[in-house]
Amino acid sequence: MGGLWKSLAILGIVLAVVALYHLIDRIGLPERRARVVVREKFFREAHSTTTYSRVGNAMRPVITEHPDEWVLKVEMGGSVAEATVPQDIFNRLAPGDSVILIYTQRRLLRSIEASGIASEDTP
């Protein structure tokens, strides 16, 4: 029974570290706006990935479910970035479109998470 408690304690610590990482990476980020040009767009279908984590003396599978994603490759400040957008925005835009992207940039991963497209007259 001692091995089970040890494994559960290690799992709890790992989950706490992952949760803390995501909190640090996302909480309190300022909303930004930038003029971007859509270079490419694609759909990433829902899927799952499996990794393995050592818990005690055993390797345990960790299955992560990833939802459908609608992704724009945009040129922003001289570099190209991927921005995941809601499906309705994805459907409205085409490569070559120039838009004002409303987004946050994660602290640690540096990935861009788009929340919308601003109209030209929105400050």
PDB file of N, CA and C in Angstrom:
ATOM      1  N   MET A   1       0.820  -1.195   0.000  1.00  0.00           N
ATOM      2  CA  MET A   1       0.000   0.000   0.000  1.00  0.00           C
ATOM      3  C   MET A   1       0.862   1.257   0.000  1.00  0.00           C
ATOM      4  N   GLY A   2       2.063   1.195   0.590  1.00  0.00           N
ATOM      5  CA  GLY A   2       2.955   2.344   0.632  1.00  0.00           C
ATOM      6  C   GLY A   2       3.365   2.795  -0.754  1.00  0.00           C
ATOM      7  N   GLY A   3       3.549   1.843  -1.691  1.00  0.00           N
ATOM      8  CA  GLY A   3       3.922   2.183  -3.060  1.00  0.00           C
ATOM      9  C   GLY A   3       2.815   2.939  -3.772  1.00  0.00           C
ATOM     10  N   LEU A   4       1.575   2.571  -3.495  1.00  0.00           N
ATOM     11  CA  LEU A   4       0.436   3.253  -4.106  1.00  0.00           C
ATOM     12  C   LEU A   4       0.378   4.704  -3.655  1.00  0.00           C
ATOM     13  N   TRP A   5       0.558   4.945  -2.362  1.00  0.00           N
ATOM     14  CA  TRP A   5       0.523   6.315  -1.842  1.00  0.00           C
ATOM     15  C   TRP A   5       1.666   7.151  -2.402  1.00  0.00           C
ATOM     16  N   LYS A   6       2.821   6.523  -2.534  1.00  0.00           N
ATOM     17  CA  LYS A   6       3.968   7.223  -3.101  1.00  0.00           C
ATOM     18  C   LYS A   6       3.688   7.607  -4.560  1.00  0.00           C
ATOM     19  N   SER A   7       3.116   6.682  -5.316  1.00  0.00           N
ATOM     20  CA  SER A   7       2.768   6.959  -6.721  1.00  0.00           C
ATOM     21  C   SER A   7       1.730   8.064  -6.821  1.00  0.00           C
ATOM     22  N   LEU A   8       0.733   8.025  -5.956  1.00  0.00           N
ATOM     23  CA  LEU A   8      -0.299   9.060  -5.959  1.00  0.00           C
ATOM     24  C   LEU A   8       0.281  10.421  -5.574  1.00  0.00           C
ATOM     25  N   ALA A   9       1.206  10.429  -4.631  1.00  0.00           N
ATOM     26  CA  ALA A   9       1.839  11.687  -4.224  1.00  0.00           C
ATOM     27  C   ALA A   9       2.652  12.264  -5.374  1.00  0.00           C
ATOM     28  N   ILE A  10       3.405  11.422  -6.076  1.00  0.00           N
ATOM     29  CA  ILE A  10       4.194  11.886  -7.223  1.00  0.00           C
ATOM     30  C   ILE A  10       3.278  12.411  -8.313  1.00  0.00           C
ATOM     31  N   LEU A  11       2.195  11.702  -8.596  1.00  0.00           N
ATOM     32  CA  LEU A  11       1.226  12.150  -9.604  1.00  0.00           C
ATOM     33  C   LEU A  11       0.626  13.498  -9.208  1.00  0.00           C
ATOM     34  N   GLY A  12       0.285  13.659  -7.933  1.00  0.00           N
ATOM     35  CA  GLY A  12      -0.257  14.933  -7.449  1.00  0.00           C
ATOM     36  C   GLY A  12       0.725  16.074  -7.629  1.00  0.00           C
ATOM     37  N   ILE A  13       1.990  15.822  -7.357  1.00  0.00           N
ATOM     38  CA  ILE A  13       3.020  16.855  -7.520  1.00  0.00           C
ATOM     39  C   ILE A  13       3.162  17.226  -8.993  1.00  0.00           C
ATOM     40  N   VAL A  14       3.188  16.223  -9.869  1.00  0.00           N
ATOM     41  CA  VAL A  14       3.297  16.484 -11.306  1.00  0.00           C
ATOM     42  C   VAL A  14       2.111  17.315 -11.790  1.00  0.00           C
ATOM     43  N   LEU A  15       0.909  16.958 -11.383  1.00  0.00           N
ATOM     44  CA  LEU A  15      -0.283  17.714 -11.791  1.00  0.00           C
ATOM     45  C   LEU A  15      -0.246  19.145 -11.255  1.00  0.00           C
ATOM     46  N   ALA A  16       0.237  19.330 -10.048  1.00  0.00           N
ATOM     47  CA  ALA A  16       0.338  20.675  -9.473  1.00  0.00           C
ATOM     48  C   ALA A  16       1.351  21.512 -10.248  1.00  0.00           C
ATOM     49  N   VAL A  17       2.459  20.924 -10.636  1.00  0.00           N
ATOM     50  CA  VAL A  17       3.480  21.648 -11.407  1.00  0.00           C
ATOM     51  C   VAL A  17       2.927  22.051 -12.769  1.00  0.00           C
ATOM     52  N   VAL A  18       2.216  21.141 -13.431  1.00  0.00           N
ATOM     53  CA  VAL A  18       1.617  21.449 -14.739  1.00  0.00           C
ATOM     54  C   VAL A  18       0.589  22.572 -14.596  1.00  0.00           C
ATOM     55  N   ALA A  19      -0.242  22.509 -13.584  1.00  0.00           N
ATOM     56  CA  ALA A  19      -1.243  23.558 -13.364  1.00  0.00           C
ATOM     57  C   ALA A  19      -0.576  24.901 -13.097  1.00  0.00           C
ATOM     58  N   LEU A  20       0.461  24.915 -12.290  1.00  0.00           N
ATOM     59  CA  LEU A  20       1.191  26.153 -11.993  1.00  0.00           C
ATOM     60  C   LEU A  20       1.834  26.719 -13.258  1.00  0.00           C
ATOM     61  N   TYR A  21       2.410  25.856 -14.078  1.00  0.00           N
ATOM     62  CA  TYR A  21       3.012  26.280 -15.350  1.00  0.00           C
ATOM     63  C   TYR A  21       1.976  26.999 -16.213  1.00  0.00           C
ATOM     64  N   HIS A  22       0.784  26.392 -16.352  1.00  0.00           N
ATOM     65  CA  HIS A  22      -0.257  27.005 -17.175  1.00  0.00           C
ATOM     66  C   HIS A  22      -0.765  28.314 -16.578  1.00  0.00           C
ATOM     67  N   LEU A  23      -0.843  28.398 -15.263  1.00  0.00           N
ATOM     68  CA  LEU A  23      -1.249  29.650 -14.628  1.00  0.00           C
ATOM     69  C   LEU A  23      -0.240  30.758 -14.901  1.00  0.00           C
ATOM     70  N   ILE A  24       1.028  30.450 -14.726  1.00  0.00           N
ATOM     71  CA  ILE A  24       2.081  31.441 -14.960  1.00  0.00           C
ATOM     72  C   ILE A  24       2.090  31.864 -16.424  1.00  0.00           C
ATOM     73  N   ASP A  25       1.860  30.903 -17.321  1.00  0.00           N
ATOM     74  CA  ASP A  25       1.944  31.150 -18.760  1.00  0.00           C
ATOM     75  C   ASP A  25       0.769  31.966 -19.293  1.00  0.00           C
ATOM     76  N   ARG A  26      -0.408  31.909 -18.643  1.00  0.00           N
ATOM     77  CA  ARG A  26      -1.616  32.503 -19.226  1.00  0.00           C
ATOM     78  C   ARG A  26      -2.291  33.613 -18.422  1.00  0.00           C
ATOM     79  N   ILE A  27      -2.261  33.561 -17.120  1.00  0.00           N
ATOM     80  CA  ILE A  27      -3.070  34.462 -16.296  1.00  0.00           C
ATOM     81  C   ILE A  27      -2.580  35.907 -16.409  1.00  0.00           C
ATOM     82  N   GLY A  28      -3.532  36.828 -16.577  1.00  0.00           N
ATOM     83  CA  GLY A  28      -3.237  38.253 -16.551  1.00  0.00           C
ATOM     84  C   GLY A  28      -2.518  38.798 -17.766  1.00  0.00           C
ATOM     85  N   LEU A  29      -2.597  38.100 -18.889  1.00  0.00           N
ATOM     86  CA  LEU A  29      -1.914  38.584 -20.088  1.00  0.00           C
ATOM     87  C   LEU A  29      -2.675  39.762 -20.703  1.00  0.00           C
ATOM     88  N   PRO A  30      -1.957  40.773 -21.151  1.00  0.00           N
ATOM     89  CA  PRO A  30      -2.644  41.905 -21.785  1.00  0.00           C
ATOM     90  C   PRO A  30      -3.137  41.521 -23.178  1.00  0.00           C
ATOM     91  N   GLU A  31      -4.282  42.074 -23.537  1.00  0.00           N
ATOM     92  CA  GLU A  31      -4.800  41.875 -24.888  1.00  0.00           C
ATOM     93  C   GLU A  31      -4.045  42.818 -25.820  1.00  0.00           C
ATOM     94  N   ARG A  32      -3.610  42.308 -26.950  1.00  0.00           N
ATOM     95  CA  ARG A  32      -2.851  43.106 -27.909  1.00  0.00           C
ATOM     96  C   ARG A  32      -3.580  43.132 -29.245  1.00  0.00           C
ATOM     97  N   ARG A  33      -3.200  44.097 -30.061  1.00  0.00           N
ATOM     98  CA  ARG A  33      -3.737  44.207 -31.417  1.00  0.00           C
ATOM     99  C   ARG A  33      -2.581  44.456 -32.365  1.00  0.00           C
ATOM    100  N   ALA A  34      -2.656  43.828 -33.521  1.00  0.00           N
ATOM    101  CA  ALA A  34      -1.615  44.029 -34.527  1.00  0.00           C
ATOM    102  C   ALA A  34      -2.208  43.810 -35.909  1.00  0.00           C
ATOM    103  N   ARG A  35      -1.743  44.597 -36.855  1.00  0.00           N
ATOM    104  CA  ARG A  35      -2.129  44.380 -38.245  1.00  0.00           C
ATOM    105  C   ARG A  35      -1.336  43.183 -38.749  1.00  0.00           C
ATOM    106  N   VAL A  36      -2.046  42.214 -39.293  1.00  0.00           N
ATOM    107  CA  VAL A  36      -1.416  40.997 -39.807  1.00  0.00           C
ATOM    108  C   VAL A  36      -1.938  40.721 -41.214  1.00  0.00           C
ATOM    109  N   VAL A  37      -1.170  39.959 -41.960  1.00  0.00           N
ATOM    110  CA  VAL A  37      -1.594  39.490 -43.279  1.00  0.00           C
ATOM    111  C   VAL A  37      -1.694  37.975 -43.198  1.00  0.00           C
ATOM    112  N   VAL A  38      -2.850  37.450 -43.588  1.00  0.00           N
ATOM    113  CA  VAL A  38      -3.052  36.008 -43.581  1.00  0.00           C
ATOM    114  C   VAL A  38      -2.240  35.410 -44.732  1.00  0.00           C
ATOM    115  N   ARG A  39      -1.335  34.502 -44.418  1.00  0.00           N
ATOM    116  CA  ARG A  39      -0.494  33.858 -45.435  1.00  0.00           C
ATOM    117  C   ARG A  39      -1.042  32.488 -45.822  1.00  0.00           C
ATOM    118  N   GLU A  40      -1.630  31.818 -44.846  1.00  0.00           N
ATOM    119  CA  GLU A  40      -2.107  30.455 -45.076  1.00  0.00           C
ATOM    120  C   GLU A  40      -3.148  30.153 -44.012  1.00  0.00           C
ATOM    121  N   LYS A  41      -4.028  29.215 -44.288  1.00  0.00           N
ATOM    122  CA  LYS A  41      -4.970  28.770 -43.261  1.00  0.00           C
ATOM    123  C   LYS A  41      -5.185  27.275 -43.407  1.00  0.00           C
ATOM    124  N   PHE A  42      -5.387  26.627 -42.258  1.00  0.00           N
ATOM    125  CA  PHE A  42      -5.611  25.184 -42.294  1.00  0.00           C
ATOM    126  C   PHE A  42      -6.391  24.740 -41.072  1.00  0.00           C
ATOM    127  N   PHE A  43      -6.988  23.574 -41.196  1.00  0.00           N
ATOM    128  CA  PHE A  43      -7.785  22.971 -40.130  1.00  0.00           C
ATOM    129  C   PHE A  43      -6.997  21.811 -39.545  1.00  0.00           C
ATOM    130  N   ARG A  44      -6.895  21.779 -38.232  1.00  0.00           N
ATOM    131  CA  ARG A  44      -6.226  20.679 -37.536  1.00  0.00           C
ATOM    132  C   ARG A  44      -7.317  19.889 -36.816  1.00  0.00           C
ATOM    133  N   GLU A  45      -7.540  18.669 -37.276  1.00  0.00           N
ATOM    134  CA  GLU A  45      -8.617  17.831 -36.746  1.00  0.00           C
ATOM    135  C   GLU A  45      -8.333  17.384 -35.305  1.00  0.00           C
ATOM    136  N   ALA A  46      -9.409  17.202 -34.551  1.00  0.00           N
ATOM    137  CA  ALA A  46      -9.273  16.716 -33.171  1.00  0.00           C
ATOM    138  C   ALA A  46      -8.513  15.395 -33.173  1.00  0.00           C
ATOM    139  N   HIS A  47      -7.649  15.245 -32.186  1.00  0.00           N
ATOM    140  CA  HIS A  47      -6.863  14.023 -32.085  1.00  0.00           C
ATOM    141  C   HIS A  47      -6.385  13.863 -30.642  1.00  0.00           C
ATOM    142  N   SER A  48      -5.809  12.729 -30.375  1.00  0.00           N
ATOM    143  CA  SER A  48      -5.236  12.514 -29.047  1.00  0.00           C
ATOM    144  C   SER A  48      -3.777  12.115 -29.210  1.00  0.00           C
ATOM    145  N   THR A  49      -2.993  12.442 -28.196  1.00  0.00           N
ATOM    146  CA  THR A  49      -1.594  12.029 -28.161  1.00  0.00           C
ATOM    147  C   THR A  49      -1.369  11.258 -26.867  1.00  0.00           C
ATOM    148  N   THR A  50      -0.456  10.329 -26.940  1.00  0.00           N
ATOM    149  CA  THR A  50      -0.135   9.523 -25.765  1.00  0.00           C
ATOM    150  C   THR A  50       1.346   9.667 -25.458  1.00  0.00           C
ATOM    151  N   THR A  51       1.630  10.054 -24.232  1.00  0.00           N
ATOM    152  CA  THR A  51       3.002  10.071 -23.740  1.00  0.00           C
ATOM    153  C   THR A  51       3.039   9.155 -22.520  1.00  0.00           C
ATOM    154  N   TYR A  52       4.225   8.859 -22.067  1.00  0.00           N
ATOM    155  CA  TYR A  52       4.342   7.972 -20.920  1.00  0.00           C
ATOM    156  C   TYR A  52       5.095   8.677 -19.799  1.00  0.00           C
ATOM    157  N   SER A  53       4.614   8.462 -18.584  1.00  0.00           N
ATOM    158  CA  SER A  53       5.202   9.090 -17.416  1.00  0.00           C
ATOM    159  C   SER A  53       5.524   8.006 -16.395  1.00  0.00           C
ATOM    160  N   ARG A  54       6.686   8.128 -15.804  1.00  0.00           N
ATOM    161  CA  ARG A  54       7.066   7.152 -14.780  1.00  0.00           C
ATOM    162  C   ARG A  54       6.389   7.536 -13.468  1.00  0.00           C
ATOM    163  N   VAL A  55       5.644   6.600 -12.923  1.00  0.00           N
ATOM    164  CA  VAL A  55       5.004   6.772 -11.624  1.00  0.00           C
ATOM    165  C   VAL A  55       5.455   5.592 -10.779  1.00  0.00           C
ATOM    166  N   GLY A  56       6.303   5.885  -9.816  1.00  0.00           N
ATOM    167  CA  GLY A  56       6.889   4.796  -9.029  1.00  0.00           C
ATOM    168  C   GLY A  56       7.805   3.989  -9.934  1.00  0.00           C
ATOM    169  N   ASN A  57       7.582   2.692  -9.998  1.00  0.00           N
ATOM    170  CA  ASN A  57       8.398   1.819 -10.842  1.00  0.00           C
ATOM    171  C   ASN A  57       7.715   1.475 -12.157  1.00  0.00           C
ATOM    172  N   ALA A  58       6.609   2.089 -12.448  1.00  0.00           N
ATOM    173  CA  ALA A  58       5.852   1.732 -13.656  1.00  0.00           C
ATOM    174  C   ALA A  58       5.705   2.934 -14.594  1.00  0.00           C
ATOM    175  N   MET A  59       5.650   2.633 -15.876  1.00  0.00           N
ATOM    176  CA  MET A  59       5.367   3.666 -16.882  1.00  0.00           C
ATOM    177  C   MET A  59       3.861   3.680 -17.110  1.00  0.00           C
ATOM    178  N   ARG A  60       3.268   4.852 -16.966  1.00  0.00           N
ATOM    179  CA  ARG A  60       1.824   5.004 -17.126  1.00  0.00           C
ATOM    180  C   ARG A  60       1.532   5.877 -18.343  1.00  0.00           C
ATOM    181  N   PRO A  61       0.556   5.468 -19.155  1.00  0.00           N
ATOM    182  CA  PRO A  61       0.212   6.311 -20.307  1.00  0.00           C
ATOM    183  C   PRO A  61      -0.545   7.565 -19.858  1.00  0.00           C
ATOM    184  N   VAL A  62      -0.241   8.666 -20.504  1.00  0.00           N
ATOM    185  CA  VAL A  62      -0.945   9.921 -20.270  1.00  0.00           C
ATOM    186  C   VAL A  62      -1.541  10.326 -21.616  1.00  0.00           C
ATOM    187  N   ILE A  63      -2.848  10.251 -21.720  1.00  0.00           N
ATOM    188  CA  ILE A  63      -3.529  10.545 -22.977  1.00  0.00           C
ATOM    189  C   ILE A  63      -4.050  11.972 -22.914  1.00  0.00           C
ATOM    190  N   THR A  64      -3.697  12.765 -23.911  1.00  0.00           N
ATOM    191  CA  THR A  64      -4.142  14.155 -23.993  1.00  0.00           C
ATOM    192  C   THR A  64      -5.034  14.309 -25.214  1.00  0.00           C
ATOM    193  N   GLU A  65      -6.230  14.803 -24.992  1.00  0.00           N
ATOM    194  CA  GLU A  65      -7.178  15.052 -26.088  1.00  0.00           C
ATOM    195  C   GLU A  65      -6.986  16.475 -26.594  1.00  0.00           C
ATOM    196  N   HIS A  66      -6.854  16.634 -27.901  1.00  0.00           N
ATOM    197  CA  HIS A  66      -6.703  17.945 -28.527  1.00  0.00           C
ATOM    198  C   HIS A  66      -7.953  18.215 -29.358  1.00  0.00           C
ATOM    199  N   PRO A  67      -8.632  19.347 -29.159  1.00  0.00           N
ATOM    200  CA  PRO A  67      -9.858  19.641 -29.910  1.00  0.00           C
ATOM    201  C   PRO A  67      -9.542  20.088 -31.339  1.00  0.00           C
ATOM    202  N   ASP A  68     -10.584  20.188 -32.163  1.00  0.00           N
ATOM    203  CA  ASP A  68     -10.440  20.768 -33.497  1.00  0.00           C
ATOM    204  C   ASP A  68      -9.835  22.155 -33.372  1.00  0.00           C
ATOM    205  N   GLU A  69      -8.974  22.525 -34.322  1.00  0.00           N
ATOM    206  CA  GLU A  69      -8.378  23.862 -34.323  1.00  0.00           C
ATOM    207  C   GLU A  69      -8.427  24.443 -35.724  1.00  0.00           C
ATOM    208  N   TRP A  70      -8.803  25.711 -35.794  1.00  0.00           N
ATOM    209  CA  TRP A  70      -8.787  26.463 -37.039  1.00  0.00           C
ATOM    210  C   TRP A  70      -7.613  27.421 -36.922  1.00  0.00           C
ATOM    211  N   VAL A  71      -6.623  27.256 -37.802  1.00  0.00           N
ATOM    212  CA  VAL A  71      -5.345  27.938 -37.645  1.00  0.00           C
ATOM    213  C   VAL A  71      -5.062  28.844 -38.838  1.00  0.00           C
ATOM    214  N   LEU A  72      -4.620  30.063 -38.521  1.00  0.00           N
ATOM    215  CA  LEU A  72      -4.147  30.995 -39.537  1.00  0.00           C
ATOM    216  C   LEU A  72      -2.647  31.146 -39.377  1.00  0.00           C
ATOM    217  N   LYS A  73      -1.920  31.085 -40.475  1.00  0.00           N
ATOM    218  CA  LYS A  73      -0.515  31.486 -40.457  1.00  0.00           C
ATOM    219  C   LYS A  73      -0.524  32.932 -40.895  1.00  0.00           C
ATOM    220  N   VAL A  74      -0.052  33.793 -40.014  1.00  0.00           N
ATOM    221  CA  VAL A  74      -0.096  35.225 -40.289  1.00  0.00           C
ATOM    222  C   VAL A  74       1.306  35.816 -40.249  1.00  0.00           C
ATOM    223  N   GLU A  75       1.513  36.836 -41.075  1.00  0.00           N
ATOM    224  CA  GLU A  75       2.758  37.583 -41.027  1.00  0.00           C
ATOM    225  C   GLU A  75       2.535  38.735 -40.078  1.00  0.00           C
ATOM    226  N   MET A  76       3.401  38.803 -39.064  1.00  0.00           N
ATOM    227  CA  MET A  76       3.210  39.766 -37.994  1.00  0.00           C
ATOM    228  C   MET A  76       4.575  40.298 -37.574  1.00  0.00           C
ATOM    229  N   GLY A  77       4.816  41.558 -37.801  1.00  0.00           N
ATOM    230  CA  GLY A  77       6.076  42.159 -37.404  1.00  0.00           C
ATOM    231  C   GLY A  77       7.285  41.534 -38.078  1.00  0.00           C
ATOM    232  N   GLY A  78       7.135  41.143 -39.332  1.00  0.00           N
ATOM    233  CA  GLY A  78       8.257  40.577 -40.071  1.00  0.00           C
ATOM    234  C   GLY A  78       8.462  39.087 -39.885  1.00  0.00           C
ATOM    235  N   SER A  79       7.714  38.471 -38.991  1.00  0.00           N
ATOM    236  CA  SER A  79       7.842  37.022 -38.814  1.00  0.00           C
ATOM    237  C   SER A  79       6.485  36.362 -39.022  1.00  0.00           C
ATOM    238  N   VAL A  80       6.499  35.072 -39.208  1.00  0.00           N
ATOM    239  CA  VAL A  80       5.264  34.324 -39.421  1.00  0.00           C
ATOM    240  C   VAL A  80       4.919  33.592 -38.134  1.00  0.00           C
ATOM    241  N   ALA A  81       3.654  33.691 -37.744  1.00  0.00           N
ATOM    242  CA  ALA A  81       3.182  33.034 -36.526  1.00  0.00           C
ATOM    243  C   ALA A  81       1.892  32.296 -36.830  1.00  0.00           C
ATOM    244  N   GLU A  82       1.602  31.293 -36.031  1.00  0.00           N
ATOM    245  CA  GLU A  82       0.325  30.601 -36.127  1.00  0.00           C
ATOM    246  C   GLU A  82      -0.601  31.158 -35.070  1.00  0.00           C
ATOM    247  N   ALA A  83      -1.843  31.411 -35.485  1.00  0.00           N
ATOM    248  CA  ALA A  83      -2.851  31.889 -34.542  1.00  0.00           C
ATOM    249  C   ALA A  83      -4.084  31.008 -34.664  1.00  0.00           C
ATOM    250  N   THR A  84      -4.482  30.409 -33.556  1.00  0.00           N
ATOM    251  CA  THR A  84      -5.707  29.618 -33.530  1.00  0.00           C
ATOM    252  C   THR A  84      -6.872  30.579 -33.362  1.00  0.00           C
ATOM    253  N   VAL A  85      -7.858  30.460 -34.240  1.00  0.00           N
ATOM    254  CA  VAL A  85      -8.988  31.388 -34.230  1.00  0.00           C
ATOM    255  C   VAL A  85     -10.302  30.611 -34.176  1.00  0.00           C
ATOM    256  N   PRO A  86     -11.384  31.285 -33.761  1.00  0.00           N
ATOM    257  CA  PRO A  86     -12.698  30.639 -33.808  1.00  0.00           C
ATOM    258  C   PRO A  86     -13.076  30.311 -35.259  1.00  0.00           C
ATOM    259  N   GLN A  87     -13.906  29.295 -35.435  1.00  0.00           N
ATOM    260  CA  GLN A  87     -14.265  28.825 -36.768  1.00  0.00           C
ATOM    261  C   GLN A  87     -14.898  29.913 -37.631  1.00  0.00           C
ATOM    262  N   ASP A  88     -15.738  30.779 -37.054  1.00  0.00           N
ATOM    263  CA  ASP A  88     -16.405  31.809 -37.869  1.00  0.00           C
ATOM    264  C   ASP A  88     -15.395  32.793 -38.461  1.00  0.00           C
ATOM    265  N   ILE A  89     -14.353  33.132 -37.706  1.00  0.00           N
ATOM    266  CA  ILE A  89     -13.307  34.022 -38.219  1.00  0.00           C
ATOM    267  C   ILE A  89     -12.518  33.309 -39.309  1.00  0.00           C
ATOM    268  N   PHE A  90     -12.187  32.066 -39.075  1.00  0.00           N
ATOM    269  CA  PHE A  90     -11.460  31.257 -40.052  1.00  0.00           C
ATOM    270  C   PHE A  90     -12.207  31.240 -41.391  1.00  0.00           C
ATOM    271  N   ASN A  91     -13.516  31.049 -41.320  1.00  0.00           N
ATOM    272  CA  ASN A  91     -14.320  30.953 -42.544  1.00  0.00           C
ATOM    273  C   ASN A  91     -14.405  32.277 -43.302  1.00  0.00           C
ATOM    274  N   ARG A  92     -14.297  33.405 -42.599  1.00  0.00           N
ATOM    275  CA  ARG A  92     -14.409  34.729 -43.238  1.00  0.00           C
ATOM    276  C   ARG A  92     -13.133  35.180 -43.934  1.00  0.00           C
ATOM    277  N   LEU A  93     -11.994  34.618 -43.555  1.00  0.00           N
ATOM    278  CA  LEU A  93     -10.721  35.119 -44.054  1.00  0.00           C
ATOM    279  C   LEU A  93     -10.125  34.230 -45.139  1.00  0.00           C
ATOM    280  N   ALA A  94      -9.338  34.868 -46.008  1.00  0.00           N
ATOM    281  CA  ALA A  94      -8.645  34.160 -47.077  1.00  0.00           C
ATOM    282  C   ALA A  94      -7.186  34.590 -47.086  1.00  0.00           C
ATOM    283  N   PRO A  95      -6.297  33.751 -47.619  1.00  0.00           N
ATOM    284  CA  PRO A  95      -4.896  34.172 -47.737  1.00  0.00           C
ATOM    285  C   PRO A  95      -4.801  35.498 -48.495  1.00  0.00           C
ATOM    286  N   GLY A  96      -3.964  36.386 -47.976  1.00  0.00           N
ATOM    287  CA  GLY A  96      -3.801  37.714 -48.558  1.00  0.00           C
ATOM    288  C   GLY A  96      -4.593  38.792 -47.848  1.00  0.00           C
ATOM    289  N   ASP A  97      -5.594  38.403 -47.048  1.00  0.00           N
ATOM    290  CA  ASP A  97      -6.378  39.388 -46.299  1.00  0.00           C
ATOM    291  C   ASP A  97      -5.513  40.066 -45.247  1.00  0.00           C
ATOM    292  N   SER A  98      -5.697  41.366 -45.080  1.00  0.00           N
ATOM    293  CA  SER A  98      -5.012  42.134 -44.046  1.00  0.00           C
ATOM    294  C   SER A  98      -6.055  42.514 -43.003  1.00  0.00           C
ATOM    295  N   VAL A  99      -5.807  42.128 -41.757  1.00  0.00           N
ATOM    296  CA  VAL A  99      -6.781  42.366 -40.691  1.00  0.00           C
ATOM    297  C   VAL A  99      -6.057  42.794 -39.423  1.00  0.00           C
ATOM    298  N   ILE A 100      -6.829  43.322 -38.479  1.00  0.00           N
ATOM    299  CA  ILE A 100      -6.293  43.636 -37.151  1.00  0.00           C
ATOM    300  C   ILE A 100      -6.647  42.470 -36.240  1.00  0.00           C
ATOM    301  N   LEU A 101      -5.622  41.772 -35.798  1.00  0.00           N
ATOM    302  CA  LEU A 101      -5.790  40.594 -34.958  1.00  0.00           C
ATOM    303  C   LEU A 101      -5.772  41.006 -33.488  1.00  0.00           C
ATOM    304  N   ILE A 102      -6.756  40.550 -32.735  1.00  0.00           N
ATOM    305  CA  ILE A 102      -6.784  40.739 -31.280  1.00  0.00           C
ATOM    306  C   ILE A 102      -6.255  39.437 -30.689  1.00  0.00           C
ATOM    307  N   TYR A 103      -5.203  39.532 -29.858  1.00  0.00           N
ATOM    308  CA  TYR A 103      -4.549  38.317 -29.401  1.00  0.00           C
ATOM    309  C   TYR A 103      -3.868  38.526 -28.047  1.00  0.00           C
ATOM    310  N   THR A 104      -3.474  37.414 -27.465  1.00  0.00           N
ATOM    311  CA  THR A 104      -2.565  37.418 -26.330  1.00  0.00           C
ATOM    312  C   THR A 104      -1.383  36.542 -26.712  1.00  0.00           C
ATOM    313  N   GLN A 105      -0.232  36.852 -26.153  1.00  0.00           N
ATOM    314  CA  GLN A 105       0.954  36.033 -26.401  1.00  0.00           C
ATOM    315  C   GLN A 105       1.390  35.430 -25.088  1.00  0.00           C
ATOM    316  N   ARG A 106       1.420  34.121 -25.036  1.00  0.00           N
ATOM    317  CA  ARG A 106       1.755  33.425 -23.798  1.00  0.00           C
ATOM    318  C   ARG A 106       3.186  33.712 -23.381  1.00  0.00           C
ATOM    319  N   ARG A 107       3.394  33.799 -22.081  1.00  0.00           N
ATOM    320  CA  ARG A 107       4.693  34.179 -21.529  1.00  0.00           C
ATOM    321  C   ARG A 107       5.801  33.161 -21.823  1.00  0.00           C
ATOM    322  N   LEU A 108       5.527  31.912 -21.565  1.00  0.00           N
ATOM    323  CA  LEU A 108       6.573  30.903 -21.644  1.00  0.00           C
ATOM    324  C   LEU A 108       6.619  30.220 -23.010  1.00  0.00           C
ATOM    325  N   LEU A 109       5.487  29.839 -23.525  1.00  0.00           N
ATOM    326  CA  LEU A 109       5.448  29.163 -24.824  1.00  0.00           C
ATOM    327  C   LEU A 109       5.609  30.137 -25.985  1.00  0.00           C
ATOM    328  N   ARG A 110       5.308  31.404 -25.754  1.00  0.00           N
ATOM    329  CA  ARG A 110       5.375  32.469 -26.773  1.00  0.00           C
ATOM    330  C   ARG A 110       4.365  32.263 -27.898  1.00  0.00           C
ATOM    331  N   SER A 111       3.439  31.325 -27.744  1.00  0.00           N
ATOM    332  CA  SER A 111       2.443  31.096 -28.787  1.00  0.00           C
ATOM    333  C   SER A 111       1.390  32.201 -28.737  1.00  0.00           C
ATOM    334  N   ILE A 112       0.737  32.398 -29.869  1.00  0.00           N
ATOM    335  CA  ILE A 112      -0.288  33.433 -30.003  1.00  0.00           C
ATOM    336  C   ILE A 112      -1.656  32.780 -29.927  1.00  0.00           C
ATOM    337  N   GLU A 113      -2.519  33.351 -29.094  1.00  0.00           N
ATOM    338  CA  GLU A 113      -3.893  32.886 -29.005  1.00  0.00           C
ATOM    339  C   GLU A 113      -4.797  34.035 -29.400  1.00  0.00           C
ATOM    340  N   ALA A 114      -5.404  33.899 -30.575  1.00  0.00           N
ATOM    341  CA  ALA A 114      -6.267  34.948 -31.100  1.00  0.00           C
ATOM    342  C   ALA A 114      -7.638  34.866 -30.450  1.00  0.00           C
ATOM    343  N   SER A 115      -8.210  36.036 -30.170  1.00  0.00           N
ATOM    344  CA  SER A 115      -9.555  36.067 -29.610  1.00  0.00           C
ATOM    345  C   SER A 115     -10.543  36.708 -30.563  1.00  0.00           C
ATOM    346  N   GLY A 116     -10.025  37.367 -31.603  1.00  0.00           N
ATOM    347  CA  GLY A 116     -10.945  37.974 -32.549  1.00  0.00           C
ATOM    348  C   GLY A 116     -10.239  38.834 -33.566  1.00  0.00           C
ATOM    349  N   ILE A 117     -11.063  39.431 -34.401  1.00  0.00           N
ATOM    350  CA  ILE A 117     -10.615  40.358 -35.421  1.00  0.00           C
ATOM    351  C   ILE A 117     -11.310  41.687 -35.140  1.00  0.00           C
ATOM    352  N   ALA A 118     -10.539  42.764 -35.092  1.00  0.00           N
ATOM    353  CA  ALA A 118     -11.115  44.097 -34.822  1.00  0.00           C
ATOM    354  C   ALA A 118     -11.551  44.731 -36.126  1.00  0.00           C
ATOM    355  N   SER A 119     -12.606  45.523 -36.054  1.00  0.00           N
ATOM    356  CA  SER A 119     -13.005  46.282 -37.235  1.00  0.00           C
ATOM    357  C   SER A 119     -12.052  47.454 -37.377  1.00  0.00           C
ATOM    358  N   GLU A 120     -11.990  48.012 -38.561  1.00  0.00           N
ATOM    359  CA  GLU A 120     -11.033  49.081 -38.857  1.00  0.00           C
ATOM    360  C   GLU A 120     -11.236  50.316 -37.981  1.00  0.00           C
ATOM    361  N   ASP A 121     -12.471  50.576 -37.529  1.00  0.00           N
ATOM    362  CA  ASP A 121     -12.735  51.783 -36.759  1.00  0.00           C
ATOM    363  C   ASP A 121     -12.718  51.558 -35.256  1.00  0.00           C
ATOM    364  N   THR A 122     -12.359  50.339 -34.796  1.00  0.00           N
ATOM    365  CA  THR A 122     -12.274  50.066 -33.361  1.00  0.00           C
ATOM    366  C   THR A 122     -10.909  50.518 -32.860  1.00  0.00           C
ATOM    367  N   PRO A 123     -10.860  51.308 -31.786  1.00  0.00           N
ATOM    368  CA  PRO A 123      -9.555  51.770 -31.273  1.00  0.00           C
ATOM    369  C   PRO A 123      -8.749  50.645 -30.676  1.00  0.00           C
TER     370      PRO A 123
END
